[in-house]
Amino acid sequence: SEYLIHFIKIAEARKTTMGHITSEHLQDSHIILPPANIIKNFSEYVRP
């Protein structure tokens, strides 16, 4: 959801409408990969 905002912002900056997202868009994305213990703890917070 967070990265989707990034895609939309790119489209708005170019003043165009992004018709679709391709596998290349996903492959070219850049995200943070937290370690397993952080993901586990976070999930326990938000799961309820």
ModelCIF file with pLDDT and N, C-alpha, C, O atoms, coordinates in Angstrom:
data_MODEL
#
_entry.id   MODEL 
#
_entity.id                         1 
_entity.type                       polymer 
_entity.pdbx_number_of_molecules   1 
#
_entity_poly.entity_id                      1 
_entity_poly.type                           'polypeptide(L)' 
_entity_poly.nstd_linkage                   no 
_entity_poly.nstd_monomer                   no 
_entity_poly.pdbx_seq_one_letter_code       SEYLIHFIKIAEARKTTMGHITSEHLQDSHIILPPANIIKNFSEYVRP 
_entity_poly.pdbx_seq_one_letter_code_can   SEYLIHFIKIAEARKTTMGHITSEHLQDSHIILPPANIIKNFSEYVRP 
_entity_poly.pdbx_strand_id                 A 
#
loop_
_entity_poly_seq.entity_id 
_entity_poly_seq.num 
_entity_poly_seq.mon_id 
_entity_poly_seq.hetero 
1 1  SER n 
1 2  GLU n 
1 3  TYR n 
1 4  LEU n 
1 5  ILE n 
1 6  HIS n 
1 7  PHE n 
1 8  ILE n 
1 9  LYS n 
1 10 ILE n 
1 11 ALA n 
1 12 GLU n 
1 13 ALA n 
1 14 ARG n 
1 15 LYS n 
1 16 THR n 
1 17 THR n 
1 18 MET n 
1 19 GLY n 
1 20 HIS n 
1 21 ILE n 
1 22 THR n 
1 23 SER n 
1 24 GLU n 
1 25 HIS n 
1 26 LEU n 
1 27 GLN n 
1 28 ASP n 
1 29 SER n 
1 30 HIS n 
1 31 ILE n 
1 32 ILE n 
1 33 LEU n 
1 34 PRO n 
1 35 PRO n 
1 36 ALA n 
1 37 ASN n 
1 38 ILE n 
1 39 ILE n 
1 40 LYS n 
1 41 ASN n 
1 42 PHE n 
1 43 SER n 
1 44 GLU n 
1 45 TYR n 
1 46 VAL n 
1 47 ARG n 
1 48 PRO n 
#
_struct_asym.id          A 
_struct_asym.entity_id   1 
#
loop_
_ma_qa_metric.id 
_ma_qa_metric.mode 
_ma_qa_metric.name 
_ma_qa_metric.software_group_id 
_ma_qa_metric.type 
1 global pLDDT . pLDDT 
2 local  pLDDT . pLDDT 
#
_ma_qa_metric_global.metric_id      1 
_ma_qa_metric_global.metric_value   82.65 
_ma_qa_metric_global.model_id       1 
_ma_qa_metric_global.ordinal_id     1 
#
loop_
_ma_qa_metric_local.label_asym_id 
_ma_qa_metric_local.label_comp_id 
_ma_qa_metric_local.label_seq_id 
_ma_qa_metric_local.metric_id 
_ma_qa_metric_local.metric_value 
_ma_qa_metric_local.model_id 
_ma_qa_metric_local.ordinal_id 
A SER 1  2 94.00 1 1  
A GLU 2  2 93.00 1 2  
A TYR 3  2 92.00 1 3  
A LEU 4  2 88.00 1 4  
A ILE 5  2 83.00 1 5  
A HIS 6  2 80.00 1 6  
A PHE 7  2 75.00 1 7  
A ILE 8  2 72.00 1 8  
A LYS 9  2 68.00 1 9  
A ILE 10 2 60.00 1 10 
A ALA 11 2 54.00 1 11 
A GLU 12 2 58.00 1 12 
A ALA 13 2 57.00 1 13 
A ARG 14 2 52.00 1 14 
A LYS 15 2 49.00 1 15 
A THR 16 2 48.00 1 16 
A THR 17 2 49.00 1 17 
A MET 18 2 49.00 1 18 
A GLY 19 2 61.00 1 19 
A HIS 20 2 76.00 1 20 
A ILE 21 2 78.00 1 21 
A THR 22 2 81.00 1 22 
A SER 23 2 86.00 1 23 
A GLU 24 2 86.00 1 24 
A HIS 25 2 86.00 1 25 
A LEU 26 2 90.00 1 26 
A GLN 27 2 91.00 1 27 
A ASP 28 2 89.00 1 28 
A SER 29 2 93.00 1 29 
A HIS 30 2 94.00 1 30 
A ILE 31 2 96.00 1 31 
A ILE 32 2 96.00 1 32 
A LEU 33 2 97.00 1 33 
A PRO 34 2 97.00 1 34 
A PRO 35 2 97.00 1 35 
A ALA 36 2 96.00 1 36 
A ASN 37 2 96.00 1 37 
A ILE 38 2 97.00 1 38 
A ILE 39 2 97.00 1 39 
A LYS 40 2 97.00 1 40 
A ASN 41 2 96.00 1 41 
A PHE 42 2 97.00 1 42 
A SER 43 2 97.00 1 43 
A GLU 44 2 96.00 1 44 
A TYR 45 2 94.00 1 45 
A VAL 46 2 96.00 1 46 
A ARG 47 2 96.00 1 47 
A PRO 48 2 97.00 1 48 
#
loop_
_atom_site.group_PDB 
_atom_site.id 
_atom_site.type_symbol 
_atom_site.label_atom_id 
_atom_site.label_alt_id 
_atom_site.label_comp_id 
_atom_site.label_asym_id 
_atom_site.label_entity_id 
_atom_site.label_seq_id 
_atom_site.pdbx_PDB_ins_code 
_atom_site.Cartn_x 
_atom_site.Cartn_y 
_atom_site.Cartn_z 
_atom_site.occupancy 
_atom_site.B_iso_or_equiv 
_atom_site.pdbx_formal_charge 
_atom_site.auth_seq_id 
_atom_site.auth_comp_id 
_atom_site.auth_asym_id 
_atom_site.auth_atom_id 
_atom_site.pdbx_PDB_model_num 
ATOM 1   N N  . SER A 1 1  ? 0.837  -1.206  0.000   1.00 94.00 ? 1  SER A N  1 
ATOM 2   C CA . SER A 1 1  ? 0.000  0.000   0.000   1.00 94.00 ? 1  SER A CA 1 
ATOM 3   C C  . SER A 1 1  ? 0.869  1.253   0.000   1.00 94.00 ? 1  SER A C  1 
ATOM 4   O O  . SER A 1 1  ? 0.584  2.219   -0.708  1.00 94.00 ? 1  SER A O  1 
ATOM 5   N N  . GLU A 1 2  ? 1.917  1.226   0.790   1.00 93.00 ? 2  GLU A N  1 
ATOM 6   C CA . GLU A 1 2  ? 2.842  2.356   0.861   1.00 93.00 ? 2  GLU A CA 1 
ATOM 7   C C  . GLU A 1 2  ? 3.532  2.577   -0.474  1.00 93.00 ? 2  GLU A C  1 
ATOM 8   O O  . GLU A 1 2  ? 3.681  3.717   -0.914  1.00 93.00 ? 2  GLU A O  1 
ATOM 9   N N  . TYR A 1 3  ? 3.952  1.502   -1.121  1.00 92.00 ? 3  TYR A N  1 
ATOM 10  C CA . TYR A 1 3  ? 4.666  1.656   -2.391  1.00 92.00 ? 3  TYR A CA 1 
ATOM 11  C C  . TYR A 1 3  ? 3.726  2.025   -3.527  1.00 92.00 ? 3  TYR A C  1 
ATOM 12  O O  . TYR A 1 3  ? 4.146  2.642   -4.506  1.00 92.00 ? 3  TYR A O  1 
ATOM 13  N N  . LEU A 1 4  ? 2.466  1.657   -3.406  1.00 88.00 ? 4  LEU A N  1 
ATOM 14  C CA . LEU A 1 4  ? 1.486  2.036   -4.415  1.00 88.00 ? 4  LEU A CA 1 
ATOM 15  C C  . LEU A 1 4  ? 1.388  3.557   -4.505  1.00 88.00 ? 4  LEU A C  1 
ATOM 16  O O  . LEU A 1 4  ? 1.240  4.119   -5.590  1.00 88.00 ? 4  LEU A O  1 
ATOM 17  N N  . ILE A 1 5  ? 1.473  4.206   -3.358  1.00 83.00 ? 5  ILE A N  1 
ATOM 18  C CA . ILE A 1 5  ? 1.484  5.669   -3.335  1.00 83.00 ? 5  ILE A CA 1 
ATOM 19  C C  . ILE A 1 5  ? 2.663  6.193   -4.148  1.00 83.00 ? 5  ILE A C  1 
ATOM 20  O O  . ILE A 1 5  ? 2.550  7.206   -4.838  1.00 83.00 ? 5  ILE A O  1 
ATOM 21  N N  . HIS A 1 6  ? 3.789  5.499   -4.065  1.00 80.00 ? 6  HIS A N  1 
ATOM 22  C CA . HIS A 1 6  ? 4.979  5.886   -4.829  1.00 80.00 ? 6  HIS A CA 1 
ATOM 23  C C  . HIS A 1 6  ? 4.708  5.786   -6.330  1.00 80.00 ? 6  HIS A C  1 
ATOM 24  O O  . HIS A 1 6  ? 5.080  6.690   -7.078  1.00 80.00 ? 6  HIS A O  1 
ATOM 25  N N  . PHE A 1 7  ? 4.072  4.710   -6.784  1.00 75.00 ? 7  PHE A N  1 
ATOM 26  C CA . PHE A 1 7  ? 3.717  4.562   -8.195  1.00 75.00 ? 7  PHE A CA 1 
ATOM 27  C C  . PHE A 1 7  ? 2.816  5.706   -8.655  1.00 75.00 ? 7  PHE A C  1 
ATOM 28  O O  . PHE A 1 7  ? 3.031  6.286   -9.720  1.00 75.00 ? 7  PHE A O  1 
ATOM 29  N N  . ILE A 1 8  ? 1.816  6.023   -7.850  1.00 72.00 ? 8  ILE A N  1 
ATOM 30  C CA . ILE A 1 8  ? 0.865  7.073   -8.219  1.00 72.00 ? 8  ILE A CA 1 
ATOM 31  C C  . ILE A 1 8  ? 1.565  8.424   -8.302  1.00 72.00 ? 8  ILE A C  1 
ATOM 32  O O  . ILE A 1 8  ? 1.283  9.218   -9.199  1.00 72.00 ? 8  ILE A O  1 
ATOM 33  N N  . LYS A 1 9  ? 2.473  8.685   -7.371  1.00 68.00 ? 9  LYS A N  1 
ATOM 34  C CA . LYS A 1 9  ? 3.202  9.953   -7.385  1.00 68.00 ? 9  LYS A CA 1 
ATOM 35  C C  . LYS A 1 9  ? 4.065  10.086  -8.635  1.00 68.00 ? 9  LYS A C  1 
ATOM 36  O O  . LYS A 1 9  ? 4.181  11.174  -9.199  1.00 68.00 ? 9  LYS A O  1 
ATOM 37  N N  . ILE A 1 10 ? 4.667  8.986   -9.064  1.00 60.00 ? 10 ILE A N  1 
ATOM 38  C CA . ILE A 1 10 ? 5.462  9.010   -10.295 1.00 60.00 ? 10 ILE A CA 1 
ATOM 39  C C  . ILE A 1 10 ? 4.575  9.392   -11.474 1.00 60.00 ? 10 ILE A C  1 
ATOM 40  O O  . ILE A 1 10 ? 4.954  10.212  -12.311 1.00 60.00 ? 10 ILE A O  1 
ATOM 41  N N  . ALA A 1 11 ? 3.384  8.784   -11.530 1.00 54.00 ? 11 ALA A N  1 
ATOM 42  C CA . ALA A 1 11 ? 2.454  9.071   -12.618 1.00 54.00 ? 11 ALA A CA 1 
ATOM 43  C C  . ALA A 1 11 ? 2.030  10.536  -12.602 1.00 54.00 ? 11 ALA A C  1 
ATOM 44  O O  . ALA A 1 11 ? 1.956  11.176  -13.652 1.00 54.00 ? 11 ALA A O  1 
ATOM 45  N N  . GLU A 1 12 ? 1.750  11.069  -11.404 1.00 58.00 ? 12 GLU A N  1 
ATOM 46  C CA . GLU A 1 12 ? 1.327  12.460  -11.292 1.00 58.00 ? 12 GLU A CA 1 
ATOM 47  C C  . GLU A 1 12 ? 2.446  13.418  -11.683 1.00 58.00 ? 12 GLU A C  1 
ATOM 48  O O  . GLU A 1 12 ? 2.201  14.454  -12.301 1.00 58.00 ? 12 GLU A O  1 
ATOM 49  N N  . ALA A 1 13 ? 3.682  13.061  -11.316 1.00 57.00 ? 13 ALA A N  1 
ATOM 50  C CA . ALA A 1 13 ? 4.829  13.916  -11.645 1.00 57.00 ? 13 ALA A CA 1 
ATOM 51  C C  . ALA A 1 13 ? 5.030  14.021  -13.153 1.00 57.00 ? 13 ALA A C  1 
ATOM 52  O O  . ALA A 1 13 ? 5.477  15.048  -13.662 1.00 57.00 ? 13 ALA A O  1 
ATOM 53  N N  . ARG A 1 14 ? 4.695  12.948  -13.856 1.00 52.00 ? 14 ARG A N  1 
ATOM 54  C CA . ARG A 1 14 ? 4.823  12.935  -15.315 1.00 52.00 ? 14 ARG A CA 1 
ATOM 55  C C  . ARG A 1 14 ? 3.584  13.488  -16.002 1.00 52.00 ? 14 ARG A C  1 
ATOM 56  O O  . ARG A 1 14 ? 3.538  13.587  -17.228 1.00 52.00 ? 14 ARG A O  1 
ATOM 57  N N  . LYS A 1 15 ? 2.556  13.857  -15.190 1.00 49.00 ? 15 LYS A N  1 
ATOM 58  C CA . LYS A 1 15 ? 1.290  14.358  -15.726 1.00 49.00 ? 15 LYS A CA 1 
ATOM 59  C C  . LYS A 1 15 ? 0.637  13.357  -16.662 1.00 49.00 ? 15 LYS A C  1 
ATOM 60  O O  . LYS A 1 15 ? 0.015  13.735  -17.654 1.00 49.00 ? 15 LYS A O  1 
ATOM 61  N N  . THR A 1 16 ? 0.783  12.074  -16.341 1.00 48.00 ? 16 THR A N  1 
ATOM 62  C CA . THR A 1 16 ? 0.156  11.025  -17.144 1.00 48.00 ? 16 THR A CA 1 
ATOM 63  C C  . THR A 1 16 ? -0.585 10.089  -16.208 1.00 48.00 ? 16 THR A C  1 
ATOM 64  O O  . THR A 1 16 ? -0.424 10.152  -14.990 1.00 48.00 ? 16 THR A O  1 
ATOM 65  N N  . THR A 1 17 ? -1.400 9.218   -16.793 1.00 49.00 ? 17 THR A N  1 
ATOM 66  C CA . THR A 1 17 ? -2.092 8.194   -16.018 1.00 49.00 ? 17 THR A CA 1 
ATOM 67  C C  . THR A 1 17 ? -1.405 6.862   -16.273 1.00 49.00 ? 17 THR A C  1 
ATOM 68  O O  . THR A 1 17 ? -1.325 6.411   -17.415 1.00 49.00 ? 17 THR A O  1 
ATOM 69  N N  . MET A 1 18 ? -0.914 6.234   -15.225 1.00 49.00 ? 18 MET A N  1 
ATOM 70  C CA . MET A 1 18 ? -0.274 4.938   -15.368 1.00 49.00 ? 18 MET A CA 1 
ATOM 71  C C  . MET A 1 18 ? -1.350 3.889   -15.621 1.00 49.00 ? 18 MET A C  1 
ATOM 72  O O  . MET A 1 18 ? -2.137 3.571   -14.730 1.00 49.00 ? 18 MET A O  1 
ATOM 73  N N  . GLY A 1 19 ? -1.380 3.353   -16.836 1.00 61.00 ? 19 GLY A N  1 
ATOM 74  C CA . GLY A 1 19 ? -2.435 2.422   -17.192 1.00 61.00 ? 19 GLY A CA 1 
ATOM 75  C C  . GLY A 1 19 ? -2.363 1.121   -16.425 1.00 61.00 ? 19 GLY A C  1 
ATOM 76  O O  . GLY A 1 19 ? -3.392 0.570   -16.033 1.00 61.00 ? 19 GLY A O  1 
ATOM 77  N N  . HIS A 1 20 ? -1.145 0.619   -16.205 1.00 76.00 ? 20 HIS A N  1 
ATOM 78  C CA . HIS A 1 20 ? -1.019 -0.632  -15.478 1.00 76.00 ? 20 HIS A CA 1 
ATOM 79  C C  . HIS A 1 20 ? 0.393  -0.777  -14.922 1.00 76.00 ? 20 HIS A C  1 
ATOM 80  O O  . HIS A 1 20 ? 1.327  -0.085  -15.328 1.00 76.00 ? 20 HIS A O  1 
ATOM 81  N N  . ILE A 1 21 ? 0.507  -1.704  -13.975 1.00 78.00 ? 21 ILE A N  1 
ATOM 82  C CA . ILE A 1 21 ? 1.805  -1.996  -13.373 1.00 78.00 ? 21 ILE A CA 1 
ATOM 83  C C  . ILE A 1 21 ? 2.296  -3.321  -13.929 1.00 78.00 ? 21 ILE A C  1 
ATOM 84  O O  . ILE A 1 21 ? 1.552  -4.302  -13.946 1.00 78.00 ? 21 ILE A O  1 
ATOM 85  N N  . THR A 1 22 ? 3.522  -3.358  -14.376 1.00 81.00 ? 22 THR A N  1 
ATOM 86  C CA . THR A 1 22 ? 4.103  -4.563  -14.958 1.00 81.00 ? 22 THR A CA 1 
ATOM 87  C C  . THR A 1 22 ? 5.047  -5.231  -13.962 1.00 81.00 ? 22 THR A C  1 
ATOM 88  O O  . THR A 1 22 ? 5.361  -4.682  -12.905 1.00 81.00 ? 22 THR A O  1 
ATOM 89  N N  . SER A 1 23 ? 5.489  -6.433  -14.334 1.00 86.00 ? 23 SER A N  1 
ATOM 90  C CA . SER A 1 23 ? 6.469  -7.128  -13.491 1.00 86.00 ? 23 SER A CA 1 
ATOM 91  C C  . SER A 1 23 ? 7.761  -6.332  -13.391 1.00 86.00 ? 23 SER A C  1 
ATOM 92  O O  . SER A 1 23 ? 8.478  -6.415  -12.394 1.00 86.00 ? 23 SER A O  1 
ATOM 93  N N  . GLU A 1 24 ? 8.058  -5.543  -14.453 1.00 86.00 ? 24 GLU A N  1 
ATOM 94  C CA . GLU A 1 24 ? 9.256  -4.715  -14.418 1.00 86.00 ? 24 GLU A CA 1 
ATOM 95  C C  . GLU A 1 24 ? 9.163  -3.634  -13.341 1.00 86.00 ? 24 GLU A C  1 
ATOM 96  O O  . GLU A 1 24 ? 10.147 -3.320  -12.671 1.00 86.00 ? 24 GLU A O  1 
ATOM 97  N N  . HIS A 1 25 ? 7.945  -3.065  -13.187 1.00 86.00 ? 25 HIS A N  1 
ATOM 98  C CA . HIS A 1 25 ? 7.759  -2.073  -12.134 1.00 86.00 ? 25 HIS A CA 1 
ATOM 99  C C  . HIS A 1 25 ? 8.024  -2.683  -10.760 1.00 86.00 ? 25 HIS A C  1 
ATOM 100 O O  . HIS A 1 25 ? 8.665  -2.066  -9.910  1.00 86.00 ? 25 HIS A O  1 
ATOM 101 N N  . LEU A 1 26 ? 7.526  -3.895  -10.554 1.00 90.00 ? 26 LEU A N  1 
ATOM 102 C CA . LEU A 1 26 ? 7.733  -4.568  -9.275  1.00 90.00 ? 26 LEU A CA 1 
ATOM 103 C C  . LEU A 1 26 ? 9.207  -4.898  -9.068  1.00 90.00 ? 26 LEU A C  1 
ATOM 104 O O  . LEU A 1 26 ? 9.740  -4.755  -7.968  1.00 90.00 ? 26 LEU A O  1 
ATOM 105 N N  . GLN A 1 27 ? 9.855  -5.343  -10.144 1.00 91.00 ? 27 GLN A N  1 
ATOM 106 C CA . GLN A 1 27 ? 11.264 -5.710  -10.071 1.00 91.00 ? 27 GLN A CA 1 
ATOM 107 C C  . GLN A 1 27 ? 12.142 -4.495  -9.798  1.00 91.00 ? 27 GLN A C  1 
ATOM 108 O O  . GLN A 1 27 ? 13.150 -4.593  -9.098  1.00 91.00 ? 27 GLN A O  1 
ATOM 109 N N  . ASP A 1 28 ? 11.753 -3.342  -10.356 1.00 89.00 ? 28 ASP A N  1 
ATOM 110 C CA . ASP A 1 28 ? 12.554 -2.127  -10.215 1.00 89.00 ? 28 ASP A CA 1 
ATOM 111 C C  . ASP A 1 28 ? 12.270 -1.358  -8.927  1.00 89.00 ? 28 ASP A C  1 
ATOM 112 O O  . ASP A 1 28 ? 12.892 -0.328  -8.665  1.00 89.00 ? 28 ASP A O  1 
ATOM 113 N N  . SER A 1 29 ? 11.338 -1.853  -8.132  1.00 93.00 ? 29 SER A N  1 
ATOM 114 C CA . SER A 1 29 ? 11.015 -1.163  -6.883  1.00 93.00 ? 29 SER A CA 1 
ATOM 115 C C  . SER A 1 29 ? 12.170 -1.279  -5.888  1.00 93.00 ? 29 SER A C  1 
ATOM 116 O O  . SER A 1 29 ? 12.993 -2.191  -5.967  1.00 93.00 ? 29 SER A O  1 
ATOM 117 N N  . HIS A 1 30 ? 12.206 -0.351  -4.973  1.00 94.00 ? 30 HIS A N  1 
ATOM 118 C CA . HIS A 1 30 ? 13.234 -0.357  -3.923  1.00 94.00 ? 30 HIS A CA 1 
ATOM 119 C C  . HIS A 1 30 ? 12.542 -0.214  -2.577  1.00 94.00 ? 30 HIS A C  1 
ATOM 120 O O  . HIS A 1 30 ? 11.901 0.802   -2.308  1.00 94.00 ? 30 HIS A O  1 
ATOM 121 N N  . ILE A 1 31 ? 12.669 -1.224  -1.738  1.00 96.00 ? 31 ILE A N  1 
ATOM 122 C CA . ILE A 1 31 ? 12.023 -1.210  -0.428  1.00 96.00 ? 31 ILE A CA 1 
ATOM 123 C C  . ILE A 1 31 ? 12.988 -1.670  0.656   1.00 96.00 ? 31 ILE A C  1 
ATOM 124 O O  . ILE A 1 31 ? 14.028 -2.267  0.379   1.00 96.00 ? 31 ILE A O  1 
ATOM 125 N N  . ILE A 1 32 ? 12.618 -1.377  1.889   1.00 96.00 ? 32 ILE A N  1 
ATOM 126 C CA . ILE A 1 32 ? 13.382 -1.829  3.049   1.00 96.00 ? 32 ILE A CA 1 
ATOM 127 C C  . ILE A 1 32 ? 12.950 -3.244  3.416   1.00 96.00 ? 32 ILE A C  1 
ATOM 128 O O  . ILE A 1 32 ? 11.765 -3.574  3.366   1.00 96.00 ? 32 ILE A O  1 
ATOM 129 N N  . LEU A 1 33 ? 13.919 -4.074  3.784   1.00 97.00 ? 33 LEU A N  1 
ATOM 130 C CA . LEU A 1 33 ? 13.634 -5.439  4.241   1.00 97.00 ? 33 LEU A CA 1 
ATOM 131 C C  . LEU A 1 33 ? 14.070 -5.576  5.698   1.00 97.00 ? 33 LEU A C  1 
ATOM 132 O O  . LEU A 1 33 ? 15.237 -5.862  5.967   1.00 97.00 ? 33 LEU A O  1 
ATOM 133 N N  . PRO A 1 34 ? 13.155 -5.376  6.636   1.00 97.00 ? 34 PRO A N  1 
ATOM 134 C CA . PRO A 1 34 ? 13.510 -5.518  8.051   1.00 97.00 ? 34 PRO A CA 1 
ATOM 135 C C  . PRO A 1 34 ? 13.782 -6.981  8.402   1.00 97.00 ? 34 PRO A C  1 
ATOM 136 O O  . PRO A 1 34 ? 13.325 -7.875  7.689   1.00 97.00 ? 34 PRO A O  1 
ATOM 137 N N  . PRO A 1 35 ? 14.506 -7.239  9.469   1.00 97.00 ? 35 PRO A N  1 
ATOM 138 C CA . PRO A 1 35 ? 14.780 -8.623  9.888   1.00 97.00 ? 35 PRO A CA 1 
ATOM 139 C C  . PRO A 1 35 ? 13.518 -9.306  10.425  1.00 97.00 ? 35 PRO A C  1 
ATOM 140 O O  . PRO A 1 35 ? 12.521 -8.652  10.732  1.00 97.00 ? 35 PRO A O  1 
ATOM 141 N N  . ALA A 1 36 ? 13.589 -10.633 10.529  1.00 96.00 ? 36 ALA A N  1 
ATOM 142 C CA . ALA A 1 36 ? 12.425 -11.451 10.872  1.00 96.00 ? 36 ALA A CA 1 
ATOM 143 C C  . ALA A 1 36 ? 11.827 -11.088 12.226  1.00 96.00 ? 36 ALA A C  1 
ATOM 144 O O  . ALA A 1 36 ? 10.605 -11.053 12.374  1.00 96.00 ? 36 ALA A O  1 
ATOM 145 N N  . ASN A 1 37 ? 12.682 -10.816 13.223  1.00 96.00 ? 37 ASN A N  1 
ATOM 146 C CA . ASN A 1 37 ? 12.140 -10.539 14.564  1.00 96.00 ? 37 ASN A CA 1 
ATOM 147 C C  . ASN A 1 37 ? 11.326 -9.244  14.589  1.00 96.00 ? 37 ASN A C  1 
ATOM 148 O O  . ASN A 1 37 ? 10.350 -9.138  15.333  1.00 96.00 ? 37 ASN A O  1 
ATOM 149 N N  . ILE A 1 38 ? 11.724 -8.263  13.781  1.00 97.00 ? 38 ILE A N  1 
ATOM 150 C CA . ILE A 1 38 ? 10.981 -7.001  13.705  1.00 97.00 ? 38 ILE A CA 1 
ATOM 151 C C  . ILE A 1 38 ? 9.614  -7.239  13.049  1.00 97.00 ? 38 ILE A C  1 
ATOM 152 O O  . ILE A 1 38 ? 8.596  -6.725  13.514  1.00 97.00 ? 38 ILE A O  1 
ATOM 153 N N  . ILE A 1 39 ? 9.606  -8.021  11.968  1.00 97.00 ? 39 ILE A N  1 
ATOM 154 C CA . ILE A 1 39 ? 8.344  -8.332  11.285  1.00 97.00 ? 39 ILE A CA 1 
ATOM 155 C C  . ILE A 1 39 ? 7.410  -9.083  12.233  1.00 97.00 ? 39 ILE A C  1 
ATOM 156 O O  . ILE A 1 39 ? 6.215  -8.793  12.288  1.00 97.00 ? 39 ILE A O  1 
ATOM 157 N N  . LYS A 1 40 ? 7.952  -10.041 12.974  1.00 97.00 ? 40 LYS A N  1 
ATOM 158 C CA . LYS A 1 40 ? 7.143  -10.829 13.910  1.00 97.00 ? 40 LYS A CA 1 
ATOM 159 C C  . LYS A 1 40 ? 6.516  -9.934  14.975  1.00 97.00 ? 40 LYS A C  1 
ATOM 160 O O  . LYS A 1 40 ? 5.323  -10.040 15.258  1.00 97.00 ? 40 LYS A O  1 
ATOM 161 N N  . ASN A 1 41 ? 7.326  -9.051  15.564  1.00 96.00 ? 41 ASN A N  1 
ATOM 162 C CA . ASN A 1 41 ? 6.825  -8.175  16.619  1.00 96.00 ? 41 ASN A CA 1 
ATOM 163 C C  . ASN A 1 41 ? 5.773  -7.193  16.087  1.00 96.00 ? 41 ASN A C  1 
ATOM 164 O O  . ASN A 1 41 ? 4.753  -6.948  16.730  1.00 96.00 ? 41 ASN A O  1 
ATOM 165 N N  . PHE A 1 42 ? 6.041  -6.645  14.915  1.00 97.00 ? 42 PHE A N  1 
ATOM 166 C CA . PHE A 1 42 ? 5.090  -5.708  14.312  1.00 97.00 ? 42 PHE A CA 1 
ATOM 167 C C  . PHE A 1 42 ? 3.759  -6.394  14.033  1.00 97.00 ? 42 PHE A C  1 
ATOM 168 O O  . PHE A 1 42 ? 2.698  -5.838  14.317  1.00 97.00 ? 42 PHE A O  1 
ATOM 169 N N  . SER A 1 43 ? 3.815  -7.600  13.477  1.00 97.00 ? 43 SER A N  1 
ATOM 170 C CA . SER A 1 43 ? 2.596  -8.324  13.138  1.00 97.00 ? 43 SER A CA 1 
ATOM 171 C C  . SER A 1 43 ? 1.764  -8.622  14.374  1.00 97.00 ? 43 SER A C  1 
ATOM 172 O O  . SER A 1 43 ? 0.535  -8.600  14.314  1.00 97.00 ? 43 SER A O  1 
ATOM 173 N N  . GLU A 1 44 ? 2.417  -8.898  15.490  1.00 96.00 ? 44 GLU A N  1 
ATOM 174 C CA . GLU A 1 44 ? 1.681  -9.138  16.740  1.00 96.00 ? 44 GLU A CA 1 
ATOM 175 C C  . GLU A 1 44 ? 0.963  -7.881  17.213  1.00 96.00 ? 44 GLU A C  1 
ATOM 176 O O  . GLU A 1 44 ? -0.075 -7.971  17.869  1.00 96.00 ? 44 GLU A O  1 
ATOM 177 N N  . TYR A 1 45 ? 1.506  -6.708  16.887  1.00 94.00 ? 45 TYR A N  1 
ATOM 178 C CA . TYR A 1 45 ? 0.858  -5.448  17.244  1.00 94.00 ? 45 TYR A CA 1 
ATOM 179 C C  . TYR A 1 45 ? -0.384 -5.196  16.384  1.00 94.00 ? 45 TYR A C  1 
ATOM 180 O O  . TYR A 1 45 ? -1.439 -4.823  16.896  1.00 94.00 ? 45 TYR A O  1 
ATOM 181 N N  . VAL A 1 46 ? -0.247 -5.404  15.080  1.00 96.00 ? 46 VAL A N  1 
ATOM 182 C CA . VAL A 1 46 ? -1.322 -4.975  14.170  1.00 96.00 ? 46 VAL A CA 1 
ATOM 183 C C  . VAL A 1 46 ? -2.345 -6.063  13.879  1.00 96.00 ? 46 VAL A C  1 
ATOM 184 O O  . VAL A 1 46 ? -3.446 -5.759  13.419  1.00 96.00 ? 46 VAL A O  1 
ATOM 185 N N  . ARG A 1 47 ? -2.007 -7.331  14.137  1.00 96.00 ? 47 ARG A N  1 
ATOM 186 C CA . ARG A 1 47 ? -2.948 -8.416  13.791  1.00 96.00 ? 47 ARG A CA 1 
ATOM 187 C C  . ARG A 1 47 ? -4.310 -8.242  14.452  1.00 96.00 ? 47 ARG A C  1 
ATOM 188 O O  . ARG A 1 47 ? -5.327 -8.455  13.792  1.00 96.00 ? 47 ARG A O  1 
ATOM 189 N N  . PRO A 1 48 ? -4.375 -7.857  15.751  1.00 97.00 ? 48 PRO A N  1 
ATOM 190 C CA . PRO A 1 48 ? -5.710 -7.646  16.349  1.00 97.00 ? 48 PRO A CA 1 
ATOM 191 C C  . PRO A 1 48 ? -6.534 -6.580  15.627  1.00 97.00 ? 48 PRO A C  1 
ATOM 192 O O  . PRO A 1 48 ? -7.667 -6.304  16.021  1.00 97.00 ? 48 PRO A O  1 
#
